[in-house]
Amino acid sequence: MITGELKSQVDKIWEAFWTGGISNPLSVIEQFTYLLFIRRLDERQLLEEKKANLVGIPIKDEIFTSAQKELRWSSFKNKDPESMFELFVKPMVDDMTVFDHMKQVGHSAGVFADFMSKANFIIATPRLLDQVVQLIDKINMEDRDTKGDLYEYMLSKIASAGTNGQFRTPRHIIRMMVDMAKPKKDDIICDPSSGTAGFLVTAGEYYRDNHEDWFLDKDFRDHFNNEMFNGVEIDDTMIRIGAMNLQLHGIEGPNLIKNNALSESLADIRDQYTLILANPPFKGALDYDAVEGSILKTVKSKKTELLFLGLMLRMLKTGGRCAVIVPDGVLFGSSKAHKQIRQEIIENHKLDAVISMPSGVFKPYAGVSTAVLFFTKTGTGGTDKVWFYDMQADGYSLDDKRNEIKENDIPDILSRYHNMDEESSRARTDKSFLVPFDEIKENDWDLSINRYKEIVYEEIEYDPPKVIIEQIETLDRERNEALEALKKMLG
């Protein structure tokens, strides 16, 4: 749980960047991330030095040589602003700057270091650099939860949508999807549009919150740290932010790929994952020649929201599950491609659930109505009845402010979804209900909840016109009497 003190420290860092001329939220987070990584490199070597001194052996994984002492956080943080800034912009030690050294440390320093080739240092003044370094230095970074909370709070400050439909998925929606999916001990989890890695981070936290005893098992720990978490992201900035987010949350060796997940170059990633959690980009469009061929055989479309569904079916192992956010148009779109992908999932695999979410869930980034699809890859069908839920509230106001409110359907969604035996008796007028396969097929594979939900209309009885007229006349008479009484009082 993030504390008021930690929030205050992050707010001061954000304000320092803002007043120092760096106002783009992603640029702020990226520069903050670089400095955080530089501090972590020094802390990592300090730990190795303590171990080496304790047992009297040389350092095993040396990040800084003795000649590179001035490039270490513990050294330059004590220098005056101008001297510190020079170490970042002028190659003075082994023909490297602090930033150059950070970019070339390699995989031994963690997955974040693998994506540094295009990193740029844009802090323009000694004063701003010194101010931010001193603020970061005051943050207690020893505890994993604190590090994770710190970074998540920084990410929460992204206040505008990115390019190509990128925006931050609300963490409580991610948590709902993860809690519904209930990740298993041997799951291999992927997000093919990983962004800041929120789905992967939340899945990792699910294990810590619900299965802490599993971490006593070395095989599970190895799986958790090296094979379990996988992501694909096309944006340089996002993949660096996602890598840091995972590492700060204690996921040491996630497998992140910098690429377009839909491209031919990733065609060999098939039948590989047991759980996909994702919120792929909406409203994007690609030419056919930019999309891997087998995806187009599943869904012949240029729309990214449809192509990603085809991709997920290719990526999943048989028996693998998927929880994915889609725009409402995917549920009822009448184009051949829309019907094609819905029929593929419902008829050839197993569609488990459709949760319709209100349009304000993604504000202030976007006002689009969305839904969550849960399906299982079978290749042999299996859809019997599909569970629908009409979410009306997610615990926050549905305007741009997104203030916390009392109304929240998420606990009810989780309770009902994990007690499916009780759902068969629910009427179509309820918030949730089951719809049989044949009915969905008859409706041309339409998955819009409004197609199946029944609305109860309450009959309202009004007084006869004669009575209403008498009531109006009575009100007029009383108003005139009051007016006359007021005139007499005034003389």
Protein backbone atom coordinates (compact mmCIF):
# COMPACT_ATOMS: atom_id res chain seq x y z
CA MET A 1 0.00 0.00 0.00
CA ILE A 2 1.50 3.33 -1.04
CA THR A 3 1.97 5.76 1.85
CA GLY A 4 1.36 9.48 1.94
CA GLU A 5 5.10 10.05 2.37
CA LEU A 6 5.94 8.04 -0.74
CA LYS A 7 3.26 9.87 -2.75
CA SER A 8 4.69 13.18 -1.59
CA GLN A 9 8.20 12.15 -2.67
CA VAL A 10 6.99 11.09 -6.13
CA ASP A 11 4.92 14.28 -6.48
CA LYS A 12 8.01 16.37 -5.75
CA ILE A 13 10.03 14.49 -8.38
CA TRP A 14 7.23 14.96 -10.91
CA GLU A 15 6.98 18.67 -10.11
CA ALA A 16 10.76 19.07 -10.44
CA PHE A 17 10.70 17.59 -13.95
CA TRP A 18 7.67 19.69 -14.87
CA THR A 19 9.16 22.99 -13.72
CA GLY A 20 12.49 21.96 -15.28
CA GLY A 21 10.93 21.84 -18.73
CA ILE A 22 10.11 18.13 -19.16
CA SER A 23 6.32 18.00 -19.23
CA ASN A 24 5.53 14.95 -21.40
CA PRO A 25 4.39 12.29 -18.90
CA LEU A 26 6.15 9.43 -20.68
CA SER A 27 9.37 11.43 -20.93
CA VAL A 28 9.22 12.16 -17.20
CA ILE A 29 8.71 8.49 -16.36
CA GLU A 30 11.47 7.40 -18.73
CA GLN A 31 14.08 9.83 -17.34
CA PHE A 32 13.01 8.91 -13.80
CA THR A 33 13.43 5.23 -14.76
CA TYR A 34 16.98 5.79 -16.05
CA LEU A 35 18.04 7.46 -12.82
CA LEU A 36 16.36 4.75 -10.78
CA PHE A 37 18.26 2.12 -12.76
CA ILE A 38 21.58 3.94 -12.28
CA ARG A 39 20.94 3.99 -8.52
CA ARG A 40 20.04 0.27 -8.58
CA LEU A 41 23.28 -0.57 -10.42
CA ASP A 42 25.32 1.02 -7.65
CA GLU A 43 23.24 -0.66 -4.93
CA ARG A 44 23.72 -3.99 -6.68
CA GLN A 45 27.49 -3.59 -6.73
CA LEU A 46 27.54 -2.43 -3.11
CA LEU A 47 25.75 -5.66 -2.19
CA GLU A 48 28.27 -7.72 -4.18
CA GLU A 49 31.14 -5.87 -2.50
CA LYS A 50 29.75 -6.66 0.94
CA LYS A 51 29.45 -10.34 0.03
CA ALA A 52 32.98 -10.41 -1.39
CA ASN A 53 34.45 -8.72 1.69
CA LEU A 54 32.60 -11.09 3.97
CA VAL A 55 34.06 -14.24 2.40
CA GLY A 56 37.31 -12.72 1.15
CA ILE A 57 36.88 -13.38 -2.58
CA PRO A 58 36.77 -11.07 -5.64
CA ILE A 59 33.42 -9.66 -6.83
CA LYS A 60 31.72 -12.16 -9.13
CA ASP A 61 29.61 -9.79 -11.27
CA GLU A 62 31.40 -6.45 -11.41
CA ILE A 63 29.29 -3.61 -12.79
CA PHE A 64 31.79 -0.81 -12.08
CA THR A 65 35.56 -1.14 -12.24
CA SER A 66 37.70 0.68 -9.70
CA ALA A 67 38.46 3.26 -12.39
CA GLN A 68 34.72 3.92 -12.87
CA LYS A 69 34.09 4.99 -9.29
CA GLU A 70 32.91 8.46 -10.31
CA LEU A 71 30.16 6.93 -12.47
CA ARG A 72 28.52 5.39 -9.39
CA TRP A 73 25.46 6.90 -7.76
CA SER A 74 27.06 6.90 -4.31
CA SER A 75 29.89 9.04 -5.72
CA PHE A 76 28.29 11.56 -8.07
CA LYS A 77 25.29 12.29 -5.83
CA ASN A 78 27.66 14.16 -3.48
CA LYS A 79 29.15 16.38 -6.19
CA ASP A 80 28.07 19.92 -6.97
CA PRO A 81 25.39 20.20 -9.71
CA GLU A 82 27.79 21.29 -12.47
CA SER A 83 30.31 18.49 -11.80
CA MET A 84 27.52 15.92 -11.61
CA PHE A 85 26.01 17.13 -14.88
CA GLU A 86 29.39 16.91 -16.65
CA LEU A 87 29.61 13.23 -15.72
CA PHE A 88 26.31 12.71 -17.55
CA VAL A 89 27.14 14.66 -20.71
CA LYS A 90 30.94 14.53 -21.16
CA PRO A 91 32.84 11.21 -21.61
CA MET A 92 35.32 11.66 -18.75
CA VAL A 93 35.80 8.15 -17.29
CA ASP A 94 36.97 5.37 -19.68
CA ASP A 95 35.58 7.58 -22.47
CA MET A 96 32.10 7.10 -21.01
CA THR A 97 29.46 9.18 -19.32
CA VAL A 98 27.24 7.87 -16.51
CA PHE A 99 24.54 7.42 -19.14
CA ASP A 100 26.85 5.60 -21.57
CA HIS A 101 27.86 3.17 -18.84
CA MET A 102 24.20 2.49 -18.01
CA LYS A 103 23.47 1.67 -21.66
CA GLN A 104 26.24 -0.89 -22.00
CA VAL A 105 26.04 -2.87 -18.75
CA GLY A 106 24.28 -5.76 -20.50
CA HIS A 107 21.84 -8.49 -19.52
CA SER A 108 23.65 -9.34 -16.27
CA ALA A 109 22.12 -6.16 -14.83
CA GLY A 110 18.59 -7.30 -15.62
CA VAL A 111 16.13 -7.36 -18.52
CA PHE A 112 15.78 -3.55 -18.47
CA ALA A 113 19.38 -3.21 -19.69
CA ASP A 114 18.54 -5.18 -22.85
CA PHE A 115 16.49 -2.33 -24.30
CA MET A 116 18.81 0.64 -23.80
CA SER A 117 20.24 1.13 -27.30
CA LYS A 118 17.83 3.94 -28.21
CA ALA A 119 17.69 5.55 -24.76
CA ASN A 120 18.32 9.30 -24.66
CA PHE A 121 19.25 11.54 -21.75
CA ILE A 122 17.19 14.75 -22.04
CA ILE A 123 17.68 16.44 -18.65
CA ALA A 124 19.04 19.76 -19.85
CA THR A 125 20.34 21.56 -16.77
CA PRO A 126 22.65 20.78 -13.82
CA ARG A 127 20.05 22.19 -11.43
CA LEU A 128 17.28 19.82 -12.57
CA LEU A 129 19.58 16.78 -12.54
CA ASP A 130 20.83 17.55 -9.03
CA GLN A 131 17.32 18.24 -7.78
CA VAL A 132 15.94 14.93 -9.07
CA VAL A 133 18.96 12.89 -7.96
CA GLN A 134 18.67 14.22 -4.41
CA LEU A 135 14.93 13.52 -4.32
CA ILE A 136 15.36 9.95 -5.62
CA ASP A 137 18.18 9.36 -3.15
CA LYS A 138 15.84 10.06 -0.22
CA ILE A 139 13.43 7.26 -1.20
CA ASN A 140 13.75 4.03 0.74
CA MET A 141 14.14 1.37 -1.95
CA GLU A 142 14.94 -1.66 0.19
CA ASP A 143 11.48 -3.24 0.26
CA ARG A 144 10.05 -4.90 -2.89
CA ASP A 145 6.51 -3.71 -2.16
CA THR A 146 7.72 -0.14 -1.70
CA LYS A 147 9.64 -0.21 -4.99
CA GLY A 148 6.62 -1.60 -6.81
CA ASP A 149 4.20 0.87 -5.23
CA LEU A 150 6.53 3.75 -6.02
CA TYR A 151 6.66 2.87 -9.70
CA GLU A 152 2.95 2.13 -10.00
CA TYR A 153 2.16 5.52 -8.48
CA MET A 154 4.50 7.18 -10.96
CA LEU A 155 2.78 5.33 -13.81
CA SER A 156 -0.63 6.41 -12.53
CA LYS A 157 0.34 9.95 -13.39
CA ILE A 158 0.13 9.24 -17.12
CA ALA A 159 -2.71 11.66 -17.81
CA SER A 160 -3.12 11.39 -21.57
CA ALA A 161 -3.37 8.66 -24.16
CA GLY A 162 -0.25 7.66 -25.99
CA THR A 163 0.07 7.07 -29.69
CA ASN A 164 -1.50 4.21 -31.64
CA GLY A 165 -4.24 3.71 -29.05
CA GLN A 166 -1.89 3.15 -26.11
CA PHE A 167 -3.23 4.01 -22.69
CA ARG A 168 -2.90 2.64 -19.23
CA THR A 169 -5.42 -0.05 -18.30
CA PRO A 170 -6.98 0.69 -14.88
CA ARG A 171 -5.29 -1.52 -12.31
CA HIS A 172 -8.54 -2.60 -10.65
CA ILE A 173 -9.83 -3.87 -14.01
CA ILE A 174 -6.59 -5.80 -14.54
CA ARG A 175 -6.90 -7.23 -11.03
CA MET A 176 -10.48 -8.33 -11.74
CA MET A 177 -9.36 -10.16 -14.88
CA VAL A 178 -6.44 -11.83 -13.10
CA ASP A 179 -8.64 -12.85 -10.15
CA MET A 180 -11.13 -14.38 -12.58
CA ALA A 181 -8.40 -16.24 -14.48
CA LYS A 182 -6.77 -17.57 -11.27
CA PRO A 183 -3.23 -18.13 -12.63
CA LYS A 184 -1.96 -21.66 -12.01
CA LYS A 185 1.36 -22.87 -10.63
CA ASP A 186 2.69 -23.97 -14.01
CA ASP A 187 1.13 -21.24 -16.19
CA ILE A 188 3.17 -19.58 -18.92
CA ILE A 189 1.65 -16.11 -19.12
CA CYS A 190 1.84 -13.67 -22.03
CA ASP A 191 0.65 -10.18 -22.89
CA PRO A 192 1.16 -9.60 -26.64
CA SER A 193 0.73 -5.83 -26.24
CA SER A 194 2.42 -5.50 -22.87
CA GLY A 195 2.89 -1.71 -22.57
CA THR A 196 3.85 -0.90 -18.96
CA ALA A 197 3.46 -4.63 -18.10
CA GLY A 198 0.49 -4.06 -15.79
CA PHE A 199 -1.10 -7.45 -16.55
CA LEU A 200 2.15 -9.33 -15.94
CA VAL A 201 2.91 -7.41 -12.74
CA THR A 202 -0.59 -8.02 -11.39
CA ALA A 203 -0.37 -11.72 -12.20
CA GLY A 204 2.90 -11.83 -10.26
CA GLU A 205 1.28 -10.12 -7.29
CA TYR A 206 -1.59 -12.63 -7.46
CA TYR A 207 0.85 -15.45 -6.73
CA ARG A 208 2.40 -13.56 -3.80
CA ASP A 209 -1.01 -12.69 -2.34
CA ASN A 210 -2.62 -16.11 -2.76
CA HIS A 211 0.15 -18.70 -2.95
CA GLU A 212 3.04 -17.45 -0.86
CA ASP A 213 3.92 -21.04 0.08
CA TRP A 214 4.69 -21.86 -3.59
CA PHE A 215 7.78 -19.62 -3.38
CA LEU A 216 9.34 -22.13 -0.98
CA ASP A 217 9.62 -24.49 -3.95
CA LYS A 218 12.83 -23.86 -5.94
CA ASP A 219 11.30 -25.19 -9.18
CA PHE A 220 8.43 -22.73 -8.88
CA ARG A 221 10.78 -19.84 -8.10
CA ASP A 222 12.89 -20.65 -11.16
CA HIS A 223 9.75 -20.86 -13.31
CA PHE A 224 8.41 -17.61 -11.84
CA ASN A 225 11.63 -15.69 -12.47
CA ASN A 226 12.53 -17.06 -15.89
CA GLU A 227 9.74 -18.66 -17.94
CA MET A 228 6.40 -17.58 -16.51
CA PHE A 229 6.15 -13.96 -17.68
CA ASN A 230 6.29 -13.02 -21.36
CA GLY A 231 5.46 -9.85 -23.25
CA VAL A 232 5.64 -8.32 -26.70
CA GLU A 233 5.75 -4.54 -27.18
CA ILE A 234 6.54 -2.47 -30.27
CA ASP A 235 7.28 0.86 -28.54
CA ASP A 236 10.84 1.50 -27.27
CA THR A 237 9.77 3.67 -24.34
CA MET A 238 7.00 1.31 -23.25
CA ILE A 239 9.17 -1.80 -23.25
CA ARG A 240 11.77 -0.09 -21.06
CA ILE A 241 9.10 1.11 -18.64
CA GLY A 242 7.52 -2.35 -18.59
CA ALA A 243 10.89 -4.02 -17.95
CA MET A 244 11.59 -1.73 -14.99
CA ASN A 245 8.08 -2.24 -13.62
CA LEU A 246 8.55 -6.02 -13.65
CA GLN A 247 11.97 -5.87 -12.03
CA LEU A 248 10.83 -3.51 -9.28
CA HIS A 249 8.01 -5.97 -8.54
CA GLY A 250 10.51 -8.79 -8.07
CA ILE A 251 10.16 -10.51 -11.46
CA GLU A 252 13.82 -10.85 -12.35
CA GLY A 253 13.91 -12.51 -15.77
CA PRO A 254 10.76 -11.82 -17.80
CA ASN A 255 10.96 -12.61 -21.51
CA LEU A 256 10.21 -9.37 -23.34
CA ILE A 257 10.30 -9.04 -27.11
CA LYS A 258 10.63 -5.68 -28.87
CA ASN A 259 8.54 -6.19 -32.00
CA ASN A 260 5.12 -5.99 -33.60
CA ALA A 261 3.29 -9.05 -32.28
CA LEU A 262 1.28 -9.34 -35.50
CA SER A 263 4.28 -9.45 -37.82
CA GLU A 264 5.71 -12.36 -39.80
CA SER A 265 8.92 -12.19 -37.77
CA LEU A 266 7.09 -13.64 -34.75
CA ALA A 267 5.26 -16.35 -36.70
CA ASP A 268 7.07 -19.08 -34.78
CA ILE A 269 5.39 -18.05 -31.50
CA ARG A 270 2.50 -20.49 -31.57
CA ASP A 271 1.00 -23.03 -29.15
CA GLN A 272 3.31 -21.57 -26.50
CA TYR A 273 1.32 -19.96 -23.66
CA THR A 274 -1.25 -21.27 -21.19
CA LEU A 275 -2.67 -17.88 -20.17
CA ILE A 276 -2.96 -14.63 -22.11
CA LEU A 277 -3.98 -11.41 -20.35
CA ALA A 278 -4.24 -8.36 -22.59
CA ASN A 279 -5.74 -5.06 -23.61
CA PRO A 280 -4.58 -4.81 -27.24
CA PRO A 281 -4.75 -1.53 -29.19
CA PHE A 282 -8.14 -0.38 -30.50
CA LYS A 283 -8.84 1.48 -33.73
CA GLY A 284 -5.54 0.56 -35.35
CA ALA A 285 -5.28 -0.68 -38.93
CA LEU A 286 -2.60 -2.65 -40.74
CA ASP A 287 -2.12 -3.62 -44.37
CA TYR A 288 -2.49 -7.32 -45.07
CA ASP A 289 1.16 -7.68 -46.04
CA ALA A 290 2.19 -6.47 -42.55
CA VAL A 291 0.28 -9.27 -40.80
CA GLU A 292 1.44 -12.86 -40.33
CA GLY A 293 -0.42 -15.16 -42.75
CA SER A 294 -1.98 -17.65 -40.32
CA ILE A 295 -3.69 -14.80 -38.44
CA LEU A 296 -5.36 -13.65 -41.67
CA LYS A 297 -6.63 -17.19 -42.25
CA THR A 298 -8.36 -17.00 -38.87
CA VAL A 299 -9.68 -13.46 -39.39
CA LYS A 300 -9.33 -11.59 -42.69
CA SER A 301 -9.21 -8.03 -41.44
CA LYS A 302 -7.05 -4.92 -41.16
CA LYS A 303 -8.46 -3.99 -37.75
CA THR A 304 -5.98 -4.57 -34.91
CA GLU A 305 -8.66 -5.45 -32.34
CA LEU A 306 -9.74 -8.39 -34.52
CA LEU A 307 -6.24 -9.41 -35.61
CA PHE A 308 -5.06 -9.65 -32.00
CA LEU A 309 -7.84 -12.15 -31.23
CA GLY A 310 -6.58 -14.31 -34.09
CA LEU A 311 -3.02 -13.89 -32.80
CA MET A 312 -4.00 -14.99 -29.30
CA LEU A 313 -5.60 -18.17 -30.61
CA ARG A 314 -2.34 -18.91 -32.46
CA MET A 315 -0.18 -18.19 -29.39
CA LEU A 316 -2.18 -20.28 -26.92
CA LYS A 317 -1.54 -23.92 -26.21
CA THR A 318 -4.56 -26.19 -26.48
CA GLY A 319 -6.36 -25.78 -23.17
CA GLY A 320 -4.88 -22.31 -22.71
CA ARG A 321 -7.10 -19.49 -21.41
CA CYS A 322 -7.42 -15.88 -22.49
CA ALA A 323 -8.84 -12.80 -20.79
CA VAL A 324 -8.87 -9.84 -23.17
CA ILE A 325 -10.45 -6.37 -23.30
CA VAL A 326 -12.16 -5.53 -26.59
CA PRO A 327 -14.18 -2.53 -27.83
CA ASP A 328 -17.91 -3.13 -27.95
CA GLY A 329 -17.84 -3.20 -31.75
CA VAL A 330 -16.11 -6.57 -31.64
CA LEU A 331 -19.22 -7.99 -29.95
CA PHE A 332 -21.78 -6.95 -32.53
CA GLY A 333 -19.93 -5.67 -35.62
CA SER A 334 -21.69 -6.84 -38.78
CA SER A 335 -18.70 -7.06 -41.12
CA LYS A 336 -17.58 -10.46 -42.42
CA ALA A 337 -14.39 -10.27 -40.32
CA HIS A 338 -16.29 -9.45 -37.10
CA LYS A 339 -18.60 -12.43 -37.57
CA GLN A 340 -15.68 -14.63 -38.63
CA ILE A 341 -13.65 -14.16 -35.43
CA ARG A 342 -16.72 -14.46 -33.16
CA GLN A 343 -17.77 -17.69 -34.89
CA GLU A 344 -14.21 -19.03 -34.66
CA ILE A 345 -14.04 -18.47 -30.89
CA ILE A 346 -17.58 -19.67 -30.14
CA GLU A 347 -17.85 -22.62 -32.52
CA ASN A 348 -14.28 -23.95 -32.70
CA HIS A 349 -13.13 -23.12 -29.17
CA LYS A 350 -14.88 -22.41 -25.85
CA LEU A 351 -16.19 -18.94 -25.05
CA ASP A 352 -16.61 -18.77 -21.28
CA ALA A 353 -17.76 -15.25 -20.44
CA VAL A 354 -18.55 -11.77 -21.71
CA ILE A 355 -18.44 -8.89 -19.22
CA SER A 356 -19.92 -5.68 -20.56
CA MET A 357 -18.24 -2.63 -18.98
CA PRO A 358 -19.59 0.95 -18.84
CA SER A 359 -18.12 3.51 -21.22
CA GLY A 360 -16.45 5.57 -18.47
CA VAL A 361 -14.04 2.84 -17.35
CA PHE A 362 -11.19 4.18 -19.50
CA LYS A 363 -11.72 7.88 -18.85
CA PRO A 364 -10.00 10.31 -19.03
CA TYR A 365 -8.09 8.47 -21.79
CA ALA A 366 -11.07 7.33 -23.86
CA GLY A 367 -14.84 7.11 -23.61
CA VAL A 368 -15.25 3.95 -25.68
CA SER A 369 -17.50 1.17 -24.38
CA THR A 370 -15.61 -2.06 -23.79
CA ALA A 371 -16.06 -5.65 -22.71
CA VAL A 372 -13.89 -8.45 -21.37
CA LEU A 373 -13.89 -11.78 -23.20
CA PHE A 374 -12.83 -15.01 -21.48
CA PHE A 375 -12.21 -17.96 -23.75
CA THR A 376 -10.34 -21.27 -23.84
CA LYS A 377 -8.50 -22.63 -26.87
CA THR A 378 -9.73 -26.14 -27.64
CA GLY A 379 -9.74 -26.52 -31.42
CA THR A 380 -12.73 -28.83 -31.03
CA GLY A 381 -15.46 -26.50 -29.78
CA GLY A 382 -16.92 -26.79 -26.33
CA THR A 383 -19.04 -23.66 -25.96
CA ASP A 384 -22.21 -24.78 -24.25
CA LYS A 385 -23.50 -21.71 -22.44
CA VAL A 386 -21.87 -18.28 -22.32
CA TRP A 387 -21.97 -16.28 -19.08
CA PHE A 388 -22.86 -12.60 -19.50
CA TYR A 389 -22.52 -9.89 -16.86
CA ASP A 390 -23.77 -6.32 -17.19
CA MET A 391 -21.30 -4.23 -15.14
CA GLN A 392 -22.85 -0.91 -14.15
CA ALA A 393 -20.19 0.37 -11.72
CA ASP A 394 -16.51 -0.38 -11.12
CA GLY A 395 -15.99 1.51 -7.86
CA TYR A 396 -15.16 4.86 -9.49
CA SER A 397 -17.19 7.69 -10.98
CA LEU A 398 -17.62 7.31 -14.74
CA ASP A 399 -16.54 10.87 -15.56
CA ASP A 400 -13.06 12.26 -16.24
CA LYS A 401 -12.34 12.64 -12.50
CA ARG A 402 -12.81 8.92 -11.74
CA ASN A 403 -13.31 9.54 -8.03
CA GLU A 404 -13.78 6.51 -5.77
CA ILE A 405 -17.46 5.71 -5.08
CA LYS A 406 -19.41 3.13 -3.08
CA GLU A 407 -21.05 1.35 -6.03
CA ASN A 408 -18.85 -1.47 -7.32
CA ASP A 409 -19.92 -4.61 -9.21
CA ILE A 410 -16.47 -6.23 -9.27
CA PRO A 411 -16.81 -8.24 -6.00
CA ASP A 412 -20.17 -9.52 -7.28
CA ILE A 413 -18.63 -10.44 -10.65
CA LEU A 414 -15.90 -12.49 -8.97
CA SER A 415 -18.36 -14.18 -6.62
CA ARG A 416 -20.77 -15.17 -9.38
CA TYR A 417 -18.10 -16.24 -11.86
CA HIS A 418 -16.49 -18.60 -9.38
CA ASN A 419 -19.88 -20.07 -8.38
CA MET A 420 -21.19 -20.86 -11.84
CA ASP A 421 -23.50 -23.65 -10.63
CA GLU A 422 -25.78 -21.01 -9.15
CA GLU A 423 -25.99 -19.00 -12.38
CA SER A 424 -28.21 -21.41 -14.32
CA SER A 425 -31.32 -20.26 -12.46
CA ARG A 426 -30.83 -16.55 -13.04
CA ALA A 427 -33.36 -14.69 -15.18
CA ARG A 428 -32.39 -12.53 -18.15
CA THR A 429 -33.42 -9.49 -16.12
CA ASP A 430 -30.56 -10.06 -13.64
CA LYS A 431 -27.08 -8.54 -13.88
CA SER A 432 -25.73 -11.90 -14.97
CA PHE A 433 -27.21 -14.83 -16.88
CA LEU A 434 -26.31 -17.73 -19.18
CA VAL A 435 -27.07 -17.86 -22.89
CA PRO A 436 -26.96 -21.20 -24.74
CA PHE A 437 -24.78 -21.77 -27.79
CA ASP A 438 -27.72 -22.32 -30.16
CA GLU A 439 -29.28 -18.97 -29.33
CA ILE A 440 -26.01 -17.13 -30.00
CA LYS A 441 -25.63 -18.99 -33.29
CA GLU A 442 -29.18 -18.05 -34.31
CA ASN A 443 -28.30 -14.40 -33.62
CA ASP A 444 -25.41 -14.52 -36.13
CA TRP A 445 -22.82 -14.91 -33.33
CA ASP A 446 -23.83 -11.57 -31.78
CA LEU A 447 -22.31 -11.13 -28.28
CA SER A 448 -23.88 -7.81 -27.35
CA ILE A 449 -25.47 -8.17 -23.92
CA ASN A 450 -28.42 -6.05 -25.04
CA ARG A 451 -29.31 -8.75 -27.55
CA TYR A 452 -30.08 -11.17 -24.71
CA LYS A 453 -30.85 -9.10 -21.62
CA GLU A 454 -34.50 -8.54 -20.78
CA ILE A 455 -35.56 -5.18 -19.40
CA VAL A 456 -38.37 -4.97 -16.88
CA TYR A 457 -40.64 -2.00 -17.41
CA GLU A 458 -42.46 -0.78 -14.31
CA GLU A 459 -45.96 0.47 -14.89
CA ILE A 460 -46.49 3.92 -13.41
CA GLU A 461 -50.06 4.96 -12.59
CA TYR A 462 -50.97 8.63 -12.84
CA ASP A 463 -54.01 10.41 -11.38
CA PRO A 464 -56.85 11.15 -13.78
CA PRO A 465 -56.60 14.56 -15.53
CA LYS A 466 -59.53 15.90 -13.48
CA VAL A 467 -57.67 15.20 -10.21
CA ILE A 468 -54.43 16.74 -11.54
CA ILE A 469 -56.32 19.92 -12.55
CA GLU A 470 -57.88 20.15 -9.08
CA GLN A 471 -54.39 19.82 -7.50
CA ILE A 472 -53.06 22.62 -9.70
CA GLU A 473 -56.02 24.85 -8.79
CA THR A 474 -55.43 24.16 -5.09
CA LEU A 475 -51.74 25.11 -5.44
CA ASP A 476 -52.70 28.33 -7.27
CA ARG A 477 -55.23 29.25 -4.55
CA GLU A 478 -52.68 28.65 -1.78
CA ARG A 479 -50.07 30.69 -3.64
CA ASN A 480 -52.47 33.65 -4.05
CA GLU A 481 -53.44 33.50 -0.38
CA ALA A 482 -49.77 33.54 0.63
CA LEU A 483 -49.11 36.48 -1.67
CA GLU A 484 -52.02 38.51 -0.19
CA ALA A 485 -50.81 37.76 3.35
CA LEU A 486 -47.31 39.01 2.43
CA LYS A 487 -48.75 42.26 1.01
CA LYS A 488 -50.65 42.95 4.26
CA MET A 489 -47.47 42.36 6.32
CA LEU A 490 -45.61 44.92 4.22
CA GLY A 491 -48.28 47.52 4.91
